[in-house]
Amino acid sequence: MPWIAYIAHFIAAAFLTYGIPHFVNGVSGRRFRTPFAMPSSPTANVVWGWANFLVAFLLFANIGPLYIGTPGDTIFVAAGMLVTGILLARIFGGDAN
């Protein structure tokens, strides 16, 4: 697989991870920050989370096949989720203070 596919899968995993807190807070009826406002309405968060899922899906589906279980894809997807998760924990953790 070309190297660009691994980079695209890393970025797709980042979008997928970034969409989760927005979507979960939105469907739970809680206000949560988005790039548009702090805090945004639950509906805005559902839409923002869904938009991030859509970008992740498009990257996974259209730039090289995704084979979870193969070392390259698994490592890049896991790394994308881990790096994004740590960054989001630090960013969103500041909201609680």
N, C-alpha and C. Protein backbone atom coordinates (compact mmCIF):
# COMPACT_ATOMS: atom_id res chain seq x y z
N MET A 1 0.85 -1.18 0.00
CA MET A 1 0.00 0.00 0.00
C MET A 1 0.89 1.24 0.00
N PRO A 2 0.52 2.28 -0.74
CA PRO A 2 1.34 3.50 -0.76
C PRO A 2 1.35 4.19 0.60
N TRP A 3 2.43 4.87 0.89
CA TRP A 3 2.60 5.51 2.19
C TRP A 3 1.53 6.55 2.46
N ILE A 4 1.01 7.19 1.42
CA ILE A 4 -0.02 8.23 1.62
C ILE A 4 -1.28 7.63 2.23
N ALA A 5 -1.55 6.38 1.96
CA ALA A 5 -2.72 5.72 2.55
C ALA A 5 -2.57 5.60 4.06
N TYR A 6 -1.36 5.32 4.53
CA TYR A 6 -1.14 5.24 5.98
C TYR A 6 -1.35 6.60 6.64
N ILE A 7 -0.88 7.65 6.01
CA ILE A 7 -1.09 9.00 6.54
C ILE A 7 -2.58 9.34 6.54
N ALA A 8 -3.28 8.99 5.47
CA ALA A 8 -4.72 9.25 5.40
C ALA A 8 -5.47 8.47 6.47
N HIS A 9 -5.05 7.26 6.75
CA HIS A 9 -5.71 6.45 7.80
C HIS A 9 -5.44 7.04 9.18
N PHE A 10 -4.24 7.56 9.40
CA PHE A 10 -3.92 8.24 10.66
C PHE A 10 -4.84 9.45 10.85
N ILE A 11 -4.99 10.26 9.80
CA ILE A 11 -5.84 11.44 9.86
C ILE A 11 -7.31 11.06 10.01
N ALA A 12 -7.73 10.01 9.31
CA ALA A 12 -9.11 9.54 9.44
C ALA A 12 -9.40 9.10 10.87
N ALA A 13 -8.46 8.40 11.49
CA ALA A 13 -8.63 7.97 12.87
C ALA A 13 -8.72 9.18 13.80
N ALA A 14 -7.97 10.24 13.49
CA ALA A 14 -8.04 11.46 14.29
C ALA A 14 -9.43 12.09 14.17
N PHE A 15 -9.98 12.17 12.97
CA PHE A 15 -11.33 12.72 12.79
C PHE A 15 -12.37 11.86 13.51
N LEU A 16 -12.22 10.55 13.42
CA LEU A 16 -13.15 9.65 14.10
C LEU A 16 -13.12 9.87 15.61
N THR A 17 -11.92 9.97 16.16
CA THR A 17 -11.77 10.18 17.60
C THR A 17 -12.31 11.55 18.01
N TYR A 18 -12.07 12.56 17.20
CA TYR A 18 -12.53 13.91 17.51
C TYR A 18 -14.06 14.01 17.45
N GLY A 19 -14.68 13.23 16.61
CA GLY A 19 -16.14 13.27 16.50
C GLY A 19 -16.86 12.64 17.68
N ILE A 20 -16.22 11.70 18.35
CA ILE A 20 -16.88 10.96 19.43
C ILE A 20 -17.37 11.85 20.56
N PRO A 21 -16.53 12.71 21.18
CA PRO A 21 -17.05 13.50 22.31
C PRO A 21 -18.17 14.46 21.91
N HIS A 22 -18.10 15.00 20.71
CA HIS A 22 -19.15 15.91 20.26
C HIS A 22 -20.46 15.16 20.06
N PHE A 23 -20.39 14.04 19.39
CA PHE A 23 -21.60 13.26 19.12
C PHE A 23 -22.22 12.74 20.42
N VAL A 24 -21.39 12.21 21.30
CA VAL A 24 -21.90 11.65 22.57
C VAL A 24 -22.53 12.75 23.43
N ASN A 25 -21.87 13.88 23.56
CA ASN A 25 -22.45 14.97 24.34
C ASN A 25 -23.73 15.47 23.70
N GLY A 26 -23.75 15.56 22.38
CA GLY A 26 -24.95 16.03 21.69
C GLY A 26 -26.14 15.11 21.90
N VAL A 27 -25.94 13.80 21.69
CA VAL A 27 -27.07 12.88 21.84
C VAL A 27 -27.46 12.71 23.30
N SER A 28 -26.57 13.09 24.22
CA SER A 28 -26.90 13.06 25.65
C SER A 28 -27.61 14.33 26.10
N GLY A 29 -27.76 15.28 25.18
CA GLY A 29 -28.46 16.51 25.51
C GLY A 29 -27.62 17.53 26.25
N ARG A 30 -26.30 17.35 26.25
CA ARG A 30 -25.42 18.29 26.96
C ARG A 30 -24.80 19.28 25.99
N ARG A 31 -24.62 20.50 26.48
CA ARG A 31 -23.91 21.51 25.70
C ARG A 31 -22.42 21.20 25.80
N PHE A 32 -21.70 21.43 24.71
CA PHE A 32 -20.28 21.13 24.67
C PHE A 32 -19.64 22.06 23.65
N ARG A 33 -18.38 22.36 23.82
CA ARG A 33 -17.72 23.30 22.93
C ARG A 33 -17.50 22.72 21.54
N THR A 34 -17.63 23.56 20.55
CA THR A 34 -17.27 23.24 19.17
C THR A 34 -16.40 24.39 18.67
N PRO A 35 -15.85 24.28 17.50
CA PRO A 35 -15.06 25.41 16.97
C PRO A 35 -15.91 26.66 16.72
N PHE A 36 -17.22 26.52 16.72
CA PHE A 36 -18.11 27.64 16.40
C PHE A 36 -18.54 28.44 17.62
N ALA A 37 -18.64 27.79 18.76
CA ALA A 37 -19.08 28.47 19.97
C ALA A 37 -18.67 27.65 21.18
N MET A 38 -18.64 28.32 22.33
CA MET A 38 -18.29 27.62 23.56
C MET A 38 -19.28 28.03 24.63
N PRO A 39 -20.17 27.23 25.05
CA PRO A 39 -20.50 25.91 24.53
C PRO A 39 -21.54 26.00 23.42
N SER A 40 -21.64 24.96 22.63
CA SER A 40 -22.62 24.88 21.55
C SER A 40 -23.80 24.03 22.00
N SER A 41 -24.89 24.16 21.27
CA SER A 41 -26.09 23.40 21.59
C SER A 41 -25.87 21.92 21.34
N PRO A 42 -26.68 21.05 21.96
CA PRO A 42 -26.58 19.63 21.70
C PRO A 42 -26.76 19.30 20.21
N THR A 43 -27.68 19.98 19.55
CA THR A 43 -27.91 19.73 18.12
C THR A 43 -26.67 20.06 17.30
N ALA A 44 -26.04 21.19 17.61
CA ALA A 44 -24.81 21.57 16.89
C ALA A 44 -23.72 20.53 17.11
N ASN A 45 -23.65 19.97 18.31
CA ASN A 45 -22.64 18.96 18.59
C ASN A 45 -22.92 17.66 17.85
N VAL A 46 -24.18 17.27 17.73
CA VAL A 46 -24.49 16.07 16.95
C VAL A 46 -24.07 16.27 15.50
N VAL A 47 -24.39 17.42 14.94
CA VAL A 47 -24.04 17.71 13.55
C VAL A 47 -22.52 17.77 13.39
N TRP A 48 -21.83 18.41 14.31
CA TRP A 48 -20.37 18.52 14.23
C TRP A 48 -19.72 17.14 14.38
N GLY A 49 -20.19 16.34 15.30
CA GLY A 49 -19.67 14.98 15.45
C GLY A 49 -19.91 14.15 14.20
N TRP A 50 -21.12 14.25 13.64
CA TRP A 50 -21.46 13.52 12.42
C TRP A 50 -20.57 13.96 11.25
N ALA A 51 -20.31 15.26 11.15
CA ALA A 51 -19.45 15.76 10.07
C ALA A 51 -18.04 15.18 10.20
N ASN A 52 -17.54 15.06 11.41
CA ASN A 52 -16.22 14.46 11.62
C ASN A 52 -16.24 12.97 11.26
N PHE A 53 -17.32 12.27 11.60
CA PHE A 53 -17.45 10.86 11.21
C PHE A 53 -17.47 10.72 9.69
N LEU A 54 -18.15 11.66 9.02
CA LEU A 54 -18.23 11.61 7.56
C LEU A 54 -16.85 11.79 6.93
N VAL A 55 -16.08 12.74 7.42
CA VAL A 55 -14.72 12.95 6.90
C VAL A 55 -13.88 11.69 7.12
N ALA A 56 -13.98 11.10 8.32
CA ALA A 56 -13.23 9.88 8.61
C ALA A 56 -13.64 8.77 7.65
N PHE A 57 -14.94 8.59 7.44
CA PHE A 57 -15.41 7.55 6.54
C PHE A 57 -14.89 7.77 5.12
N LEU A 58 -14.96 9.00 4.64
CA LEU A 58 -14.49 9.30 3.29
C LEU A 58 -13.00 9.03 3.14
N LEU A 59 -12.22 9.37 4.15
CA LEU A 59 -10.79 9.08 4.09
C LEU A 59 -10.53 7.57 4.13
N PHE A 60 -11.22 6.87 5.03
CA PHE A 60 -11.03 5.42 5.11
C PHE A 60 -11.46 4.73 3.83
N ALA A 61 -12.56 5.17 3.24
CA ALA A 61 -13.15 4.47 2.10
C ALA A 61 -12.48 4.80 0.77
N ASN A 62 -11.93 5.99 0.65
CA ASN A 62 -11.47 6.44 -0.67
C ASN A 62 -9.96 6.53 -0.85
N ILE A 63 -9.20 6.45 0.20
CA ILE A 63 -7.74 6.54 0.05
C ILE A 63 -7.13 5.24 0.54
N GLY A 64 -6.98 4.32 -0.34
CA GLY A 64 -6.41 3.02 0.00
C GLY A 64 -7.37 2.21 0.84
N PRO A 65 -7.40 0.92 0.64
CA PRO A 65 -8.28 0.08 1.45
C PRO A 65 -7.79 0.00 2.89
N LEU A 66 -8.71 -0.11 3.81
CA LEU A 66 -8.38 -0.22 5.23
C LEU A 66 -8.46 -1.69 5.61
N TYR A 67 -7.34 -2.23 6.04
CA TYR A 67 -7.28 -3.63 6.47
C TYR A 67 -6.88 -3.67 7.94
N ILE A 68 -7.86 -3.58 8.82
CA ILE A 68 -7.57 -3.69 10.24
C ILE A 68 -7.12 -5.13 10.49
N GLY A 69 -6.04 -5.27 11.17
CA GLY A 69 -5.46 -6.58 11.41
C GLY A 69 -4.10 -6.70 10.75
N THR A 70 -3.88 -5.91 9.71
CA THR A 70 -2.54 -5.88 9.12
C THR A 70 -1.70 -4.89 9.92
N PRO A 71 -0.43 -5.18 10.11
CA PRO A 71 0.38 -4.33 11.00
C PRO A 71 0.37 -2.85 10.64
N GLY A 72 0.56 -2.51 9.37
CA GLY A 72 0.65 -1.09 9.00
C GLY A 72 -0.62 -0.32 9.31
N ASP A 73 -1.76 -0.82 8.84
CA ASP A 73 -3.03 -0.12 9.08
C ASP A 73 -3.36 -0.06 10.56
N THR A 74 -3.19 -1.16 11.25
CA THR A 74 -3.52 -1.20 12.67
C THR A 74 -2.68 -0.21 13.45
N ILE A 75 -1.40 -0.14 13.16
CA ILE A 75 -0.50 0.77 13.89
C ILE A 75 -0.87 2.22 13.62
N PHE A 76 -1.11 2.57 12.36
CA PHE A 76 -1.41 3.96 12.03
C PHE A 76 -2.77 4.40 12.55
N VAL A 77 -3.77 3.53 12.48
CA VAL A 77 -5.10 3.88 13.01
C VAL A 77 -5.03 3.99 14.54
N ALA A 78 -4.38 3.04 15.18
CA ALA A 78 -4.26 3.09 16.64
C ALA A 78 -3.47 4.32 17.09
N ALA A 79 -2.41 4.65 16.37
CA ALA A 79 -1.62 5.83 16.72
C ALA A 79 -2.42 7.11 16.52
N GLY A 80 -3.19 7.17 15.44
CA GLY A 80 -4.03 8.35 15.21
C GLY A 80 -5.05 8.54 16.32
N MET A 81 -5.65 7.44 16.75
CA MET A 81 -6.64 7.54 17.83
C MET A 81 -5.97 7.89 19.16
N LEU A 82 -4.81 7.30 19.44
CA LEU A 82 -4.12 7.57 20.70
C LEU A 82 -3.64 9.01 20.79
N VAL A 83 -2.98 9.49 19.74
CA VAL A 83 -2.46 10.86 19.75
C VAL A 83 -3.61 11.86 19.87
N THR A 84 -4.66 11.66 19.08
CA THR A 84 -5.80 12.58 19.15
C THR A 84 -6.48 12.49 20.51
N GLY A 85 -6.64 11.29 21.04
CA GLY A 85 -7.26 11.13 22.36
C GLY A 85 -6.50 11.85 23.45
N ILE A 86 -5.17 11.75 23.43
CA ILE A 86 -4.35 12.44 24.43
C ILE A 86 -4.47 13.95 24.28
N LEU A 87 -4.40 14.44 23.04
CA LEU A 87 -4.55 15.88 22.82
C LEU A 87 -5.91 16.39 23.27
N LEU A 88 -6.97 15.65 22.94
CA LEU A 88 -8.32 16.06 23.35
C LEU A 88 -8.48 16.02 24.86
N ALA A 89 -7.90 15.03 25.51
CA ALA A 89 -7.97 14.96 26.97
C ALA A 89 -7.33 16.19 27.61
N ARG A 90 -6.22 16.63 27.04
CA ARG A 90 -5.55 17.83 27.57
C ARG A 90 -6.37 19.09 27.28
N ILE A 91 -6.93 19.18 26.06
CA ILE A 91 -7.70 20.36 25.68
C ILE A 91 -9.01 20.42 26.45
N PHE A 92 -9.78 19.34 26.41
CA PHE A 92 -11.08 19.34 27.06
C PHE A 92 -10.95 19.26 28.58
N GLY A 93 -9.84 18.75 29.08
CA GLY A 93 -9.62 18.71 30.52
C GLY A 93 -9.51 20.09 31.11
N GLY A 94 -9.07 21.06 30.32
CA GLY A 94 -8.98 22.44 30.77
C GLY A 94 -10.35 23.08 30.96
N ASP A 95 -11.40 22.50 30.33
CA ASP A 95 -12.75 23.03 30.47
C ASP A 95 -13.30 22.80 31.87
N ALA A 96 -12.83 21.75 32.55
CA ALA A 96 -13.38 21.39 33.86
C ALA A 96 -12.84 22.30 34.95
N ASN A 97 -11.71 22.96 34.70
CA ASN A 97 -11.10 23.81 35.74
C ASN A 97 -11.77 25.14 35.83
